[in-house]
Amino acid sequence: KALCEVGVTSYVTVNLDVNYTMEFLNAASPAFVLLNSAIRTTFLAGLQGQFGFQAVQLFTLIPGPLYSTRANIRVIAGAYALGAIQQRAINITSAGQFGSYTFETATVTYDQTANQLLYGYIEIR
């Protein structure tokens, strides 16, 4: 039988200093792949080996204010490690850079609605 693991999703929203392009609508486009790789590499470098860390995922790129691109990122961690993981996410984004992509501010929150229901979603592995 598969074990159930509880994960809490933290959301990181970043307005990148990159002009939004229609290529970002296609997850297989070179522009999306490069940006996704830069974000994942940065987060994985800061979170790999952190107790409770489960996954990081770029889930949307949408137009942001003043020709920027808003990246919405999920960081999934065990409920017991939420505080530590969120602090790491804040530290990672405080540098204001994912590879060659820069930004001024980032917002880190967690899924409060799901948090009331067993700390997020249940993933069967």
C-alpha atoms as a PDB file:
ATOM      1  CA  LYS A   1       0.000   0.000   0.000  1.00  0.00           C
ATOM      2  CA  ALA A   2       1.126   3.547  -0.695  1.00  0.00           C
ATOM      3  CA  LEU A   3       1.709   5.810   2.276  1.00  0.00           C
ATOM      4  CA  CYS A   4      -0.043   9.162   2.558  1.00  0.00           C
ATOM      5  CA  GLU A   5       2.152  12.197   2.955  1.00  0.00           C
ATOM      6  CA  VAL A   6       0.692  15.553   3.893  1.00  0.00           C
ATOM      7  CA  GLY A   7       2.057  18.555   2.032  1.00  0.00           C
ATOM      8  CA  VAL A   8       1.456  22.273   2.495  1.00  0.00           C
ATOM      9  CA  THR A   9       1.685  24.463  -0.567  1.00  0.00           C
ATOM     10  CA  SER A  10       3.439  27.779  -0.126  1.00  0.00           C
ATOM     11  CA  TYR A  11       2.947  30.238  -2.949  1.00  0.00           C
ATOM     12  CA  VAL A  12       5.672  32.585  -4.104  1.00  0.00           C
ATOM     13  CA  THR A  13       4.613  35.408  -6.426  1.00  0.00           C
ATOM     14  CA  VAL A  14       7.314  37.390  -8.186  1.00  0.00           C
ATOM     15  CA  ASN A  15       7.062  40.224 -10.726  1.00  0.00           C
ATOM     16  CA  LEU A  16      10.058  39.592 -12.982  1.00  0.00           C
ATOM     17  CA  ASP A  17      11.791  42.380 -14.878  1.00  0.00           C
ATOM     18  CA  VAL A  18      11.040  40.584 -18.147  1.00  0.00           C
ATOM     19  CA  ASN A  19       8.569  41.672 -20.818  1.00  0.00           C
ATOM     20  CA  TYR A  20       5.687  39.214 -20.980  1.00  0.00           C
ATOM     21  CA  THR A  21       5.620  37.326 -24.252  1.00  0.00           C
ATOM     22  CA  MET A  22       3.026  35.018 -25.806  1.00  0.00           C
ATOM     23  CA  GLU A  23       5.658  32.271 -25.703  1.00  0.00           C
ATOM     24  CA  PHE A  24       4.991  32.014 -21.954  1.00  0.00           C
ATOM     25  CA  LEU A  25       1.586  30.512 -22.775  1.00  0.00           C
ATOM     26  CA  ASN A  26       3.332  27.378 -24.047  1.00  0.00           C
ATOM     27  CA  ALA A  27       5.189  25.399 -21.347  1.00  0.00           C
ATOM     28  CA  ALA A  28       7.276  23.753 -24.076  1.00  0.00           C
ATOM     29  CA  SER A  29       8.509  27.044 -25.590  1.00  0.00           C
ATOM     30  CA  PRO A  30      12.201  27.910 -25.209  1.00  0.00           C
ATOM     31  CA  ALA A  31      11.375  31.109 -23.261  1.00  0.00           C
ATOM     32  CA  PHE A  32       9.201  29.245 -20.726  1.00  0.00           C
ATOM     33  CA  VAL A  33      11.688  26.381 -20.402  1.00  0.00           C
ATOM     34  CA  LEU A  34      14.599  28.763 -19.722  1.00  0.00           C
ATOM     35  CA  LEU A  35      12.698  30.738 -17.099  1.00  0.00           C
ATOM     36  CA  ASN A  36      11.341  27.580 -15.458  1.00  0.00           C
ATOM     37  CA  SER A  37      14.852  26.140 -15.321  1.00  0.00           C
ATOM     38  CA  ALA A  38      16.277  29.305 -13.728  1.00  0.00           C
ATOM     39  CA  ILE A  39      13.544  29.364 -11.065  1.00  0.00           C
ATOM     40  CA  ARG A  40      13.786  25.646 -10.262  1.00  0.00           C
ATOM     41  CA  THR A  41      17.584  25.712 -10.133  1.00  0.00           C
ATOM     42  CA  THR A  42      17.569  28.675  -7.731  1.00  0.00           C
ATOM     43  CA  PHE A  43      14.955  27.152  -5.421  1.00  0.00           C
ATOM     44  CA  LEU A  44      16.474  23.676  -5.500  1.00  0.00           C
ATOM     45  CA  ALA A  45      19.903  25.067  -4.617  1.00  0.00           C
ATOM     46  CA  GLY A  46      18.393  26.740  -1.560  1.00  0.00           C
ATOM     47  CA  LEU A  47      15.963  24.009  -0.494  1.00  0.00           C
ATOM     48  CA  GLN A  48      17.578  20.697  -1.476  1.00  0.00           C
ATOM     49  CA  GLY A  49      18.348  18.756   1.670  1.00  0.00           C
ATOM     50  CA  GLN A  50      16.083  20.981   3.798  1.00  0.00           C
ATOM     51  CA  PHE A  51      14.061  18.790   6.141  1.00  0.00           C
ATOM     52  CA  GLY A  52      10.452  18.589   4.936  1.00  0.00           C
ATOM     53  CA  PHE A  53      11.019  19.970   1.416  1.00  0.00           C
ATOM     54  CA  GLN A  54       9.059  18.037  -1.225  1.00  0.00           C
ATOM     55  CA  ALA A  55       8.842  19.943  -4.521  1.00  0.00           C
ATOM     56  CA  VAL A  56       8.992  23.273  -6.343  1.00  0.00           C
ATOM     57  CA  GLN A  57       6.949  24.106  -9.445  1.00  0.00           C
ATOM     58  CA  LEU A  58       6.464  27.136 -11.675  1.00  0.00           C
ATOM     59  CA  PHE A  59       2.735  26.908 -12.366  1.00  0.00           C
ATOM     60  CA  THR A  60       1.830  30.116 -14.213  1.00  0.00           C
ATOM     61  CA  LEU A  61       3.397  33.039 -15.997  1.00  0.00           C
ATOM     62  CA  ILE A  62       1.005  35.925 -16.552  1.00  0.00           C
ATOM     63  CA  PRO A  63       1.396  39.582 -17.567  1.00  0.00           C
ATOM     64  CA  GLY A  64       2.444  41.727 -14.624  1.00  0.00           C
ATOM     65  CA  PRO A  65       2.373  45.486 -14.112  1.00  0.00           C
ATOM     66  CA  LEU A  66       4.445  47.777 -16.344  1.00  0.00           C
ATOM     67  CA  TYR A  67       5.578  45.212 -18.913  1.00  0.00           C
ATOM     68  CA  SER A  68       6.747  42.705 -16.311  1.00  0.00           C
ATOM     69  CA  THR A  69       5.955  39.013 -16.024  1.00  0.00           C
ATOM     70  CA  ARG A  70       4.327  37.636 -12.887  1.00  0.00           C
ATOM     71  CA  ALA A  71       5.612  34.189 -11.973  1.00  0.00           C
ATOM     72  CA  ASN A  72       3.519  32.079  -9.613  1.00  0.00           C
ATOM     73  CA  ILE A  73       5.579  29.367  -7.960  1.00  0.00           C
ATOM     74  CA  ARG A  74       4.511  26.516  -5.668  1.00  0.00           C
ATOM     75  CA  VAL A  75       6.829  25.254  -2.958  1.00  0.00           C
ATOM     76  CA  ILE A  76       5.496  22.092  -1.328  1.00  0.00           C
ATOM     77  CA  ALA A  77       6.706  20.966   2.083  1.00  0.00           C
ATOM     78  CA  GLY A  78       5.621  18.837   4.989  1.00  0.00           C
ATOM     79  CA  ALA A  79       3.289  20.630   7.388  1.00  0.00           C
ATOM     80  CA  TYR A  80       5.813  20.148  10.192  1.00  0.00           C
ATOM     81  CA  ALA A  81       8.446  22.112   8.253  1.00  0.00           C
ATOM     82  CA  LEU A  82       6.302  24.953   6.887  1.00  0.00           C
ATOM     83  CA  GLY A  83       7.940  27.752   8.880  1.00  0.00           C
ATOM     84  CA  ALA A  84      11.490  26.707   8.006  1.00  0.00           C
ATOM     85  CA  ILE A  85      10.669  26.213   4.325  1.00  0.00           C
ATOM     86  CA  GLN A  86       8.926  29.575   4.071  1.00  0.00           C
ATOM     87  CA  GLN A  87      11.890  31.288   5.736  1.00  0.00           C
ATOM     88  CA  ARG A  88      14.193  29.640   3.194  1.00  0.00           C
ATOM     89  CA  ALA A  89      11.895  30.778   0.352  1.00  0.00           C
ATOM     90  CA  ILE A  90      12.049  34.340   1.700  1.00  0.00           C
ATOM     91  CA  ASN A  91      15.846  34.131   1.900  1.00  0.00           C
ATOM     92  CA  ILE A  92      16.064  32.767  -1.650  1.00  0.00           C
ATOM     93  CA  THR A  93      13.870  35.515  -3.090  1.00  0.00           C
ATOM     94  CA  SER A  94      15.569  38.283  -1.092  1.00  0.00           C
ATOM     95  CA  ALA A  95      18.464  38.089  -3.554  1.00  0.00           C
ATOM     96  CA  GLY A  96      16.068  39.408  -6.230  1.00  0.00           C
ATOM     97  CA  GLN A  97      17.353  37.066  -8.893  1.00  0.00           C
ATOM     98  CA  PHE A  98      16.670  33.722 -10.563  1.00  0.00           C
ATOM     99  CA  GLY A  99      19.711  33.146 -12.742  1.00  0.00           C
ATOM    100  CA  SER A 100      19.804  36.108 -15.147  1.00  0.00           C
ATOM    101  CA  TYR A 101      16.175  37.092 -14.360  1.00  0.00           C
ATOM    102  CA  THR A 102      15.762  39.880 -11.812  1.00  0.00           C
ATOM    103  CA  PHE A 103      12.893  41.200  -9.706  1.00  0.00           C
ATOM    104  CA  GLU A 104      12.315  43.720  -6.928  1.00  0.00           C
ATOM    105  CA  THR A 105       9.845  42.069  -4.566  1.00  0.00           C
ATOM    106  CA  ALA A 106       8.387  38.650  -3.860  1.00  0.00           C
ATOM    107  CA  THR A 107       5.383  37.561  -1.833  1.00  0.00           C
ATOM    108  CA  VAL A 108       5.391  34.265   0.086  1.00  0.00           C
ATOM    109  CA  THR A 109       2.108  32.893   1.454  1.00  0.00           C
ATOM    110  CA  TYR A 110       0.616  29.493   2.179  1.00  0.00           C
ATOM    111  CA  ASP A 111      -2.687  27.945   1.178  1.00  0.00           C
ATOM    112  CA  GLN A 112      -4.746  28.964   4.188  1.00  0.00           C
ATOM    113  CA  THR A 113      -7.965  27.313   3.015  1.00  0.00           C
ATOM    114  CA  ALA A 114      -6.329  23.946   2.485  1.00  0.00           C
ATOM    115  CA  ASN A 115      -4.353  24.463   5.684  1.00  0.00           C
ATOM    116  CA  GLN A 116      -7.598  24.145   7.642  1.00  0.00           C
ATOM    117  CA  LEU A 117      -8.180  20.769   6.020  1.00  0.00           C
ATOM    118  CA  LEU A 118      -5.263  18.633   7.142  1.00  0.00           C
ATOM    119  CA  TYR A 119      -2.547  21.131   6.137  1.00  0.00           C
ATOM    120  CA  GLY A 120      -2.967  21.075   2.385  1.00  0.00           C
ATOM    121  CA  TYR A 121      -3.440  18.292  -0.085  1.00  0.00           C
ATOM    122  CA  ILE A 122      -2.697  14.617   0.388  1.00  0.00           C
ATOM    123  CA  GLU A 123      -0.424  13.056  -2.185  1.00  0.00           C
ATOM    124  CA  ILE A 124      -0.332   9.290  -2.579  1.00  0.00           C
ATOM    125  CA  ARG A 125       3.104   8.041  -3.483  1.00  0.00           C
END
